[in-house]
Amino acid sequence: MIAVASLAVAVQAARHANAESTRGPTPAELAAAAKTALAQRWVRLPAGQIFPATIGYSSELLTTETASRLGIGAALPCGQALDVTLQGAARAAGCVGVLRADYADELSGTVYTVGVVAFPDGAAAHQFAGAVPPGRYPAVGLHALELPGTAAALFNDQARQAAAVKVTGPYVILAVAGYADGRPASAASERRDSAFSPAAALAAAVAAPLAAPQRVRCATPEFSC
């Protein structure tokens, strides 16, 4: 009798295990897989896909022009890519890392460093974005990326003039802009935010591939479900 009962338990357990192994993922599991994949997208996507080679923008004269990518820097810890004004907020929100790239406007007169600041989730990203000083002049937050041999060779933190910010999912896109000749903001005769208005377009273009909806495919390495 005991043997029969044991056999019945074993059969039931086997049926349950088979059902678990053959059933499709639940909606909750699909949602969790999508959330994890989105948070990892900044390291899974090729950097050249996150930062397009060219980005169109509207100039202060309302002409349509193109910014060109000058180069992409290595991924950095948040404390190395952000200056002291945002380091505390980044730690508090659980910042994961930062990836930066440089762009120049069509005439190579102004340059831009665009940074993808990654967080565990959207709530953390919005928490951090709330600490970004709006309209601060000179611009602060993201360290400028100096790239020798390019139009951004002289672009350092002292040359930052204007900034832009955009939040998408678990990412905050920061952009800082300045003149290609490296003139410090303190030396500018007047504040000209309109000259750096492409910063917002660049931030939006970089946000696009990170925010693009994607169907969950459990059989691929990107999704754990």
C-alpha atoms as a PDB file:
ATOM      1  CA  MET A   1       0.000   0.000   0.000  1.00  0.00           C
ATOM      2  CA  ILE A   2       2.847   2.349   0.903  1.00  0.00           C
ATOM      3  CA  ALA A   3       4.552   1.507  -2.386  1.00  0.00           C
ATOM      4  CA  VAL A   4       1.383   2.325  -4.332  1.00  0.00           C
ATOM      5  CA  ALA A   5       1.026   5.662  -2.519  1.00  0.00           C
ATOM      6  CA  SER A   6       4.653   6.509  -3.144  1.00  0.00           C
ATOM      7  CA  LEU A   7       4.253   5.691  -6.829  1.00  0.00           C
ATOM      8  CA  ALA A   8       1.187   7.938  -7.055  1.00  0.00           C
ATOM      9  CA  VAL A   9       3.091  10.819  -5.441  1.00  0.00           C
ATOM     10  CA  ALA A  10       5.988  10.316  -7.832  1.00  0.00           C
ATOM     11  CA  VAL A  11       3.697  10.287 -10.858  1.00  0.00           C
ATOM     12  CA  GLN A  12       1.955  13.468  -9.676  1.00  0.00           C
ATOM     13  CA  ALA A  13       5.299  15.190  -9.088  1.00  0.00           C
ATOM     14  CA  ALA A  14       6.482  14.172 -12.541  1.00  0.00           C
ATOM     15  CA  ARG A  15       3.319  15.522 -14.119  1.00  0.00           C
ATOM     16  CA  HIS A  16       3.746  18.826 -12.263  1.00  0.00           C
ATOM     17  CA  ALA A  17       7.395  19.099 -13.283  1.00  0.00           C
ATOM     18  CA  ASN A  18       6.512  18.366 -16.901  1.00  0.00           C
ATOM     19  CA  ALA A  19       3.749  20.957 -16.853  1.00  0.00           C
ATOM     20  CA  GLU A  20       6.158  23.562 -15.444  1.00  0.00           C
ATOM     21  CA  SER A  21       8.809  22.771 -18.048  1.00  0.00           C
ATOM     22  CA  THR A  22       6.433  22.861 -21.011  1.00  0.00           C
ATOM     23  CA  ARG A  23       4.145  25.755 -20.088  1.00  0.00           C
ATOM     24  CA  GLY A  24       4.762  29.161 -21.580  1.00  0.00           C
ATOM     25  CA  PRO A  25       5.926  32.086 -19.459  1.00  0.00           C
ATOM     26  CA  THR A  26       3.302  33.912 -17.437  1.00  0.00           C
ATOM     27  CA  PRO A  27       2.535  37.605 -18.069  1.00  0.00           C
ATOM     28  CA  ALA A  28       4.438  38.448 -14.866  1.00  0.00           C
ATOM     29  CA  GLU A  29       7.484  36.499 -16.061  1.00  0.00           C
ATOM     30  CA  LEU A  30       7.351  38.198 -19.467  1.00  0.00           C
ATOM     31  CA  ALA A  31       7.134  41.614 -17.816  1.00  0.00           C
ATOM     32  CA  ALA A  32      10.093  40.822 -15.557  1.00  0.00           C
ATOM     33  CA  ALA A  33      12.135  39.582 -18.520  1.00  0.00           C
ATOM     34  CA  ALA A  34      11.359  42.739 -20.502  1.00  0.00           C
ATOM     35  CA  LYS A  35      12.312  44.963 -17.554  1.00  0.00           C
ATOM     36  CA  THR A  36      15.639  43.165 -17.063  1.00  0.00           C
ATOM     37  CA  ALA A  37      16.447  43.284 -20.768  1.00  0.00           C
ATOM     38  CA  LEU A  38      15.672  47.002 -20.926  1.00  0.00           C
ATOM     39  CA  ALA A  39      17.979  47.728 -17.982  1.00  0.00           C
ATOM     40  CA  GLN A  40      20.781  45.802 -19.723  1.00  0.00           C
ATOM     41  CA  ARG A  41      20.240  47.349 -23.155  1.00  0.00           C
ATOM     42  CA  TRP A  42      22.970  49.969 -22.693  1.00  0.00           C
ATOM     43  CA  VAL A  43      25.600  47.202 -22.502  1.00  0.00           C
ATOM     44  CA  ARG A  44      23.971  44.761 -24.927  1.00  0.00           C
ATOM     45  CA  LEU A  45      23.451  47.165 -27.822  1.00  0.00           C
ATOM     46  CA  PRO A  46      26.549  48.042 -29.897  1.00  0.00           C
ATOM     47  CA  ALA A  47      27.744  51.496 -28.833  1.00  0.00           C
ATOM     48  CA  GLY A  48      27.504  52.642 -32.448  1.00  0.00           C
ATOM     49  CA  GLN A  49      23.804  51.819 -32.397  1.00  0.00           C
ATOM     50  CA  ILE A  50      23.185  53.796 -29.217  1.00  0.00           C
ATOM     51  CA  PHE A  51      25.133  56.766 -30.586  1.00  0.00           C
ATOM     52  CA  PRO A  52      24.211  57.221 -34.274  1.00  0.00           C
ATOM     53  CA  ALA A  53      26.960  58.315 -36.653  1.00  0.00           C
ATOM     54  CA  THR A  54      24.907  61.384 -37.621  1.00  0.00           C
ATOM     55  CA  ILE A  55      21.963  63.177 -36.026  1.00  0.00           C
ATOM     56  CA  GLY A  56      19.784  65.795 -37.681  1.00  0.00           C
ATOM     57  CA  TYR A  57      18.828  68.965 -35.826  1.00  0.00           C
ATOM     58  CA  SER A  58      17.353  72.393 -36.396  1.00  0.00           C
ATOM     59  CA  SER A  59      19.836  75.260 -36.046  1.00  0.00           C
ATOM     60  CA  GLU A  60      19.182  78.605 -34.373  1.00  0.00           C
ATOM     61  CA  LEU A  61      18.559  79.961 -37.898  1.00  0.00           C
ATOM     62  CA  LEU A  62      15.878  77.252 -38.361  1.00  0.00           C
ATOM     63  CA  THR A  63      17.907  75.416 -40.997  1.00  0.00           C
ATOM     64  CA  THR A  64      18.129  71.626 -41.004  1.00  0.00           C
ATOM     65  CA  GLU A  65      21.682  70.509 -40.303  1.00  0.00           C
ATOM     66  CA  THR A  66      23.569  67.388 -39.249  1.00  0.00           C
ATOM     67  CA  ALA A  67      25.763  66.686 -36.237  1.00  0.00           C
ATOM     68  CA  SER A  68      28.500  64.095 -36.692  1.00  0.00           C
ATOM     69  CA  ARG A  69      29.801  61.661 -34.107  1.00  0.00           C
ATOM     70  CA  LEU A  70      33.448  62.266 -33.271  1.00  0.00           C
ATOM     71  CA  GLY A  71      34.049  59.216 -31.095  1.00  0.00           C
ATOM     72  CA  ILE A  72      32.762  57.042 -28.271  1.00  0.00           C
ATOM     73  CA  GLY A  73      34.447  56.770 -24.883  1.00  0.00           C
ATOM     74  CA  ALA A  74      34.767  53.708 -22.684  1.00  0.00           C
ATOM     75  CA  ALA A  75      32.004  52.921 -20.196  1.00  0.00           C
ATOM     76  CA  LEU A  76      32.810  54.459 -16.813  1.00  0.00           C
ATOM     77  CA  PRO A  77      31.625  54.175 -13.222  1.00  0.00           C
ATOM     78  CA  CYS A  78      29.155  56.931 -12.411  1.00  0.00           C
ATOM     79  CA  GLY A  79      31.573  58.702 -10.069  1.00  0.00           C
ATOM     80  CA  GLN A  80      34.104  59.119 -12.880  1.00  0.00           C
ATOM     81  CA  ALA A  81      31.721  60.327 -15.593  1.00  0.00           C
ATOM     82  CA  LEU A  82      29.736  62.758 -13.423  1.00  0.00           C
ATOM     83  CA  ASP A  83      31.066  65.766 -11.561  1.00  0.00           C
ATOM     84  CA  VAL A  84      30.556  66.543  -7.886  1.00  0.00           C
ATOM     85  CA  THR A  85      27.207  68.240  -8.482  1.00  0.00           C
ATOM     86  CA  LEU A  86      25.570  64.907  -9.383  1.00  0.00           C
ATOM     87  CA  GLN A  87      27.711  62.227  -7.779  1.00  0.00           C
ATOM     88  CA  GLY A  88      25.674  62.090  -4.569  1.00  0.00           C
ATOM     89  CA  ALA A  89      22.368  61.890  -6.447  1.00  0.00           C
ATOM     90  CA  ALA A  90      23.774  59.151  -8.676  1.00  0.00           C
ATOM     91  CA  ARG A  91      24.817  57.049  -5.681  1.00  0.00           C
ATOM     92  CA  ALA A  92      21.471  57.550  -3.957  1.00  0.00           C
ATOM     93  CA  ALA A  93      19.580  56.395  -7.058  1.00  0.00           C
ATOM     94  CA  GLY A  94      21.790  53.334  -7.579  1.00  0.00           C
ATOM     95  CA  CYS A  95      23.546  54.505 -10.749  1.00  0.00           C
ATOM     96  CA  VAL A  96      25.002  51.542 -12.657  1.00  0.00           C
ATOM     97  CA  GLY A  97      27.368  53.203 -15.160  1.00  0.00           C
ATOM     98  CA  VAL A  98      27.782  55.837 -17.857  1.00  0.00           C
ATOM     99  CA  LEU A  99      28.607  55.668 -21.550  1.00  0.00           C
ATOM    100  CA  ARG A 100      29.620  58.877 -23.379  1.00  0.00           C
ATOM    101  CA  ALA A 101      30.186  60.033 -26.955  1.00  0.00           C
ATOM    102  CA  ASP A 102      31.102  63.311 -28.631  1.00  0.00           C
ATOM    103  CA  TYR A 103      29.421  65.093 -31.526  1.00  0.00           C
ATOM    104  CA  ALA A 104      30.195  68.239 -33.515  1.00  0.00           C
ATOM    105  CA  ASP A 105      27.678  70.453 -35.274  1.00  0.00           C
ATOM    106  CA  GLU A 106      27.701  70.748 -39.044  1.00  0.00           C
ATOM    107  CA  LEU A 107      30.348  73.501 -39.057  1.00  0.00           C
ATOM    108  CA  SER A 108      32.361  71.937 -36.180  1.00  0.00           C
ATOM    109  CA  GLY A 109      32.013  75.182 -34.264  1.00  0.00           C
ATOM    110  CA  THR A 110      30.173  73.681 -31.303  1.00  0.00           C
ATOM    111  CA  VAL A 111      30.737  70.282 -29.715  1.00  0.00           C
ATOM    112  CA  TYR A 112      28.646  68.078 -27.464  1.00  0.00           C
ATOM    113  CA  THR A 113      29.269  65.261 -25.030  1.00  0.00           C
ATOM    114  CA  VAL A 114      26.226  63.019 -24.719  1.00  0.00           C
ATOM    115  CA  GLY A 115      26.078  60.531 -21.858  1.00  0.00           C
ATOM    116  CA  VAL A 116      23.821  57.558 -21.156  1.00  0.00           C
ATOM    117  CA  VAL A 117      23.463  57.256 -17.368  1.00  0.00           C
ATOM    118  CA  ALA A 118      22.042  53.828 -16.505  1.00  0.00           C
ATOM    119  CA  PHE A 119      19.915  52.959 -13.463  1.00  0.00           C
ATOM    120  CA  PRO A 120      18.184  49.799 -12.204  1.00  0.00           C
ATOM    121  CA  ASP A 121      14.705  51.041 -13.158  1.00  0.00           C
ATOM    122  CA  GLY A 122      12.654  54.002 -14.277  1.00  0.00           C
ATOM    123  CA  ALA A 123      11.867  55.188 -10.757  1.00  0.00           C
ATOM    124  CA  ALA A 124      15.580  55.491  -9.968  1.00  0.00           C
ATOM    125  CA  ALA A 125      16.208  57.309 -13.253  1.00  0.00           C
ATOM    126  CA  HIS A 126      13.492  59.876 -12.488  1.00  0.00           C
ATOM    127  CA  GLN A 127      14.835  60.295  -8.951  1.00  0.00           C
ATOM    128  CA  PHE A 128      18.262  61.154 -10.350  1.00  0.00           C
ATOM    129  CA  ALA A 129      16.893  63.394 -13.108  1.00  0.00           C
ATOM    130  CA  GLY A 130      15.117  65.441 -10.474  1.00  0.00           C
ATOM    131  CA  ALA A 131      18.509  66.372  -9.049  1.00  0.00           C
ATOM    132  CA  VAL A 132      19.883  67.702 -12.358  1.00  0.00           C
ATOM    133  CA  PRO A 133      20.101  71.518 -12.052  1.00  0.00           C
ATOM    134  CA  PRO A 134      17.775  72.951 -14.731  1.00  0.00           C
ATOM    135  CA  GLY A 135      19.229  75.729 -16.858  1.00  0.00           C
ATOM    136  CA  ARG A 136      22.442  75.965 -14.837  1.00  0.00           C
ATOM    137  CA  TYR A 137      25.064  78.259 -16.400  1.00  0.00           C
ATOM    138  CA  PRO A 138      27.805  77.344 -16.884  1.00  0.00           C
ATOM    139  CA  ALA A 139      26.588  73.772 -17.424  1.00  0.00           C
ATOM    140  CA  VAL A 140      27.494  71.108 -14.862  1.00  0.00           C
ATOM    141  CA  GLY A 141      26.814  67.422 -14.269  1.00  0.00           C
ATOM    142  CA  LEU A 142      28.320  65.322 -17.045  1.00  0.00           C
ATOM    143  CA  HIS A 143      32.080  65.523 -17.503  1.00  0.00           C
ATOM    144  CA  ALA A 144      33.064  66.708 -20.986  1.00  0.00           C
ATOM    145  CA  LEU A 145      34.801  64.048 -23.080  1.00  0.00           C
ATOM    146  CA  GLU A 146      38.029  65.345 -24.610  1.00  0.00           C
ATOM    147  CA  LEU A 147      38.931  63.452 -27.784  1.00  0.00           C
ATOM    148  CA  PRO A 148      42.407  64.291 -29.137  1.00  0.00           C
ATOM    149  CA  GLY A 149      42.612  64.716 -32.884  1.00  0.00           C
ATOM    150  CA  THR A 150      38.953  65.703 -33.210  1.00  0.00           C
ATOM    151  CA  ALA A 151      36.895  68.892 -32.985  1.00  0.00           C
ATOM    152  CA  ALA A 152      36.388  68.024 -29.299  1.00  0.00           C
ATOM    153  CA  ALA A 153      40.122  67.969 -28.494  1.00  0.00           C
ATOM    154  CA  LEU A 154      39.802  71.166 -26.423  1.00  0.00           C
ATOM    155  CA  PHE A 155      36.389  70.469 -24.924  1.00  0.00           C
ATOM    156  CA  ASN A 156      36.798  70.200 -21.162  1.00  0.00           C
ATOM    157  CA  ASP A 157      34.624  70.900 -18.127  1.00  0.00           C
ATOM    158  CA  GLN A 158      35.525  74.596 -18.085  1.00  0.00           C
ATOM    159  CA  ALA A 159      34.240  74.894 -21.666  1.00  0.00           C
ATOM    160  CA  ARG A 160      30.770  73.516 -20.839  1.00  0.00           C
ATOM    161  CA  GLN A 161      28.186  76.186 -21.593  1.00  0.00           C
ATOM    162  CA  ALA A 162      24.751  74.570 -21.891  1.00  0.00           C
ATOM    163  CA  ALA A 163      23.119  71.260 -21.068  1.00  0.00           C
ATOM    164  CA  ALA A 164      20.113  69.089 -21.867  1.00  0.00           C
ATOM    165  CA  VAL A 165      18.498  66.135 -20.116  1.00  0.00           C
ATOM    166  CA  LYS A 166      16.035  63.441 -21.188  1.00  0.00           C
ATOM    167  CA  VAL A 167      14.675  60.447 -19.276  1.00  0.00           C
ATOM    168  CA  THR A 168      13.650  57.215 -20.945  1.00  0.00           C
ATOM    169  CA  GLY A 169      12.953  54.072 -18.944  1.00  0.00           C
ATOM    170  CA  PRO A 170      15.908  53.326 -16.646  1.00  0.00           C
ATOM    171  CA  TYR A 171      18.162  55.798 -18.478  1.00  0.00           C
ATOM    172  CA  VAL A 172      18.916  59.487 -18.115  1.00  0.00           C
ATOM    173  CA  ILE A 173      20.488  61.035 -21.193  1.00  0.00           C
ATOM    174  CA  LEU A 174      22.659  64.033 -20.337  1.00  0.00           C
ATOM    175  CA  ALA A 175      24.272  66.337 -22.887  1.00  0.00           C
ATOM    176  CA  VAL A 176      26.706  69.193 -22.323  1.00  0.00           C
ATOM    177  CA  ALA A 177      27.739  71.632 -25.042  1.00  0.00           C
ATOM    178  CA  GLY A 178      30.475  74.165 -25.688  1.00  0.00           C
ATOM    179  CA  TYR A 179      32.599  75.816 -28.341  1.00  0.00           C
ATOM    180  CA  ALA A 180      35.120  73.719 -30.231  1.00  0.00           C
ATOM    181  CA  ASP A 181      37.903  76.198 -29.469  1.00  0.00           C
ATOM    182  CA  GLY A 182      37.591  75.307 -25.792  1.00  0.00           C
ATOM    183  CA  ARG A 183      36.799  78.835 -24.583  1.00  0.00           C
ATOM    184  CA  PRO A 184      35.587  78.697 -20.987  1.00  0.00           C
ATOM    185  CA  ALA A 185      32.071  79.816 -20.219  1.00  0.00           C
ATOM    186  CA  SER A 186      33.541  82.478 -17.940  1.00  0.00           C
ATOM    187  CA  ALA A 187      35.215  84.088 -20.967  1.00  0.00           C
ATOM    188  CA  ALA A 188      32.059  84.299 -23.072  1.00  0.00           C
ATOM    189  CA  SER A 189      30.911  87.861 -23.704  1.00  0.00           C
ATOM    190  CA  GLU A 190      27.259  86.793 -23.495  1.00  0.00           C
ATOM    191  CA  ARG A 191      25.182  83.714 -22.813  1.00  0.00           C
ATOM    192  CA  ARG A 192      23.908  82.182 -26.074  1.00  0.00           C
ATOM    193  CA  ASP A 193      21.762  79.154 -25.263  1.00  0.00           C
ATOM    194  CA  SER A 194      20.308  79.124 -28.772  1.00  0.00           C
ATOM    195  CA  ALA A 195      23.738  78.284 -30.199  1.00  0.00           C
ATOM    196  CA  PHE A 196      23.659  75.018 -28.264  1.00  0.00           C
ATOM    197  CA  SER A 197      20.007  74.112 -28.828  1.00  0.00           C
ATOM    198  CA  PRO A 198      20.987  70.949 -30.792  1.00  0.00           C
ATOM    199  CA  ALA A 199      21.885  69.389 -27.434  1.00  0.00           C
ATOM    200  CA  ALA A 200      18.228  68.475 -26.888  1.00  0.00           C
ATOM    201  CA  ALA A 201      17.960  66.838 -30.322  1.00  0.00           C
ATOM    202  CA  LEU A 202      21.114  64.837 -29.687  1.00  0.00           C
ATOM    203  CA  ALA A 203      19.819  63.629 -26.318  1.00  0.00           C
ATOM    204  CA  ALA A 204      16.521  62.572 -27.884  1.00  0.00           C
ATOM    205  CA  ALA A 205      18.246  60.711 -30.719  1.00  0.00           C
ATOM    206  CA  VAL A 206      20.429  58.767 -28.290  1.00  0.00           C
ATOM    207  CA  ALA A 207      17.407  57.939 -26.145  1.00  0.00           C
ATOM    208  CA  ALA A 208      15.499  56.455 -29.098  1.00  0.00           C
ATOM    209  CA  PRO A 209      17.268  53.066 -29.442  1.00  0.00           C
ATOM    210  CA  LEU A 210      17.286  52.628 -25.671  1.00  0.00           C
ATOM    211  CA  ALA A 211      13.536  53.224 -25.481  1.00  0.00           C
ATOM    212  CA  ALA A 212      12.491  51.261 -28.568  1.00  0.00           C
ATOM    213  CA  PRO A 213       9.829  48.641 -27.733  1.00  0.00           C
ATOM    214  CA  GLN A 214      10.909  45.072 -28.298  1.00  0.00           C
ATOM    215  CA  ARG A 215       8.971  41.818 -28.320  1.00  0.00           C
ATOM    216  CA  VAL A 216      10.098  39.412 -25.594  1.00  0.00           C
ATOM    217  CA  ARG A 217      11.680  36.304 -27.119  1.00  0.00           C
ATOM    218  CA  CYS A 218      12.461  33.850 -24.351  1.00  0.00           C
ATOM    219  CA  ALA A 219      14.698  31.672 -26.519  1.00  0.00           C
ATOM    220  CA  THR A 220      17.252  34.460 -27.032  1.00  0.00           C
ATOM    221  CA  PRO A 221      20.148  35.429 -24.701  1.00  0.00           C
ATOM    222  CA  GLU A 222      18.700  38.899 -24.143  1.00  0.00           C
ATOM    223  CA  PHE A 223      15.647  37.639 -22.251  1.00  0.00           C
ATOM    224  CA  SER A 224      15.611  35.480 -19.126  1.00  0.00           C
ATOM    225  CA  CYS A 225      12.153  33.905 -18.966  1.00  0.00           C
END
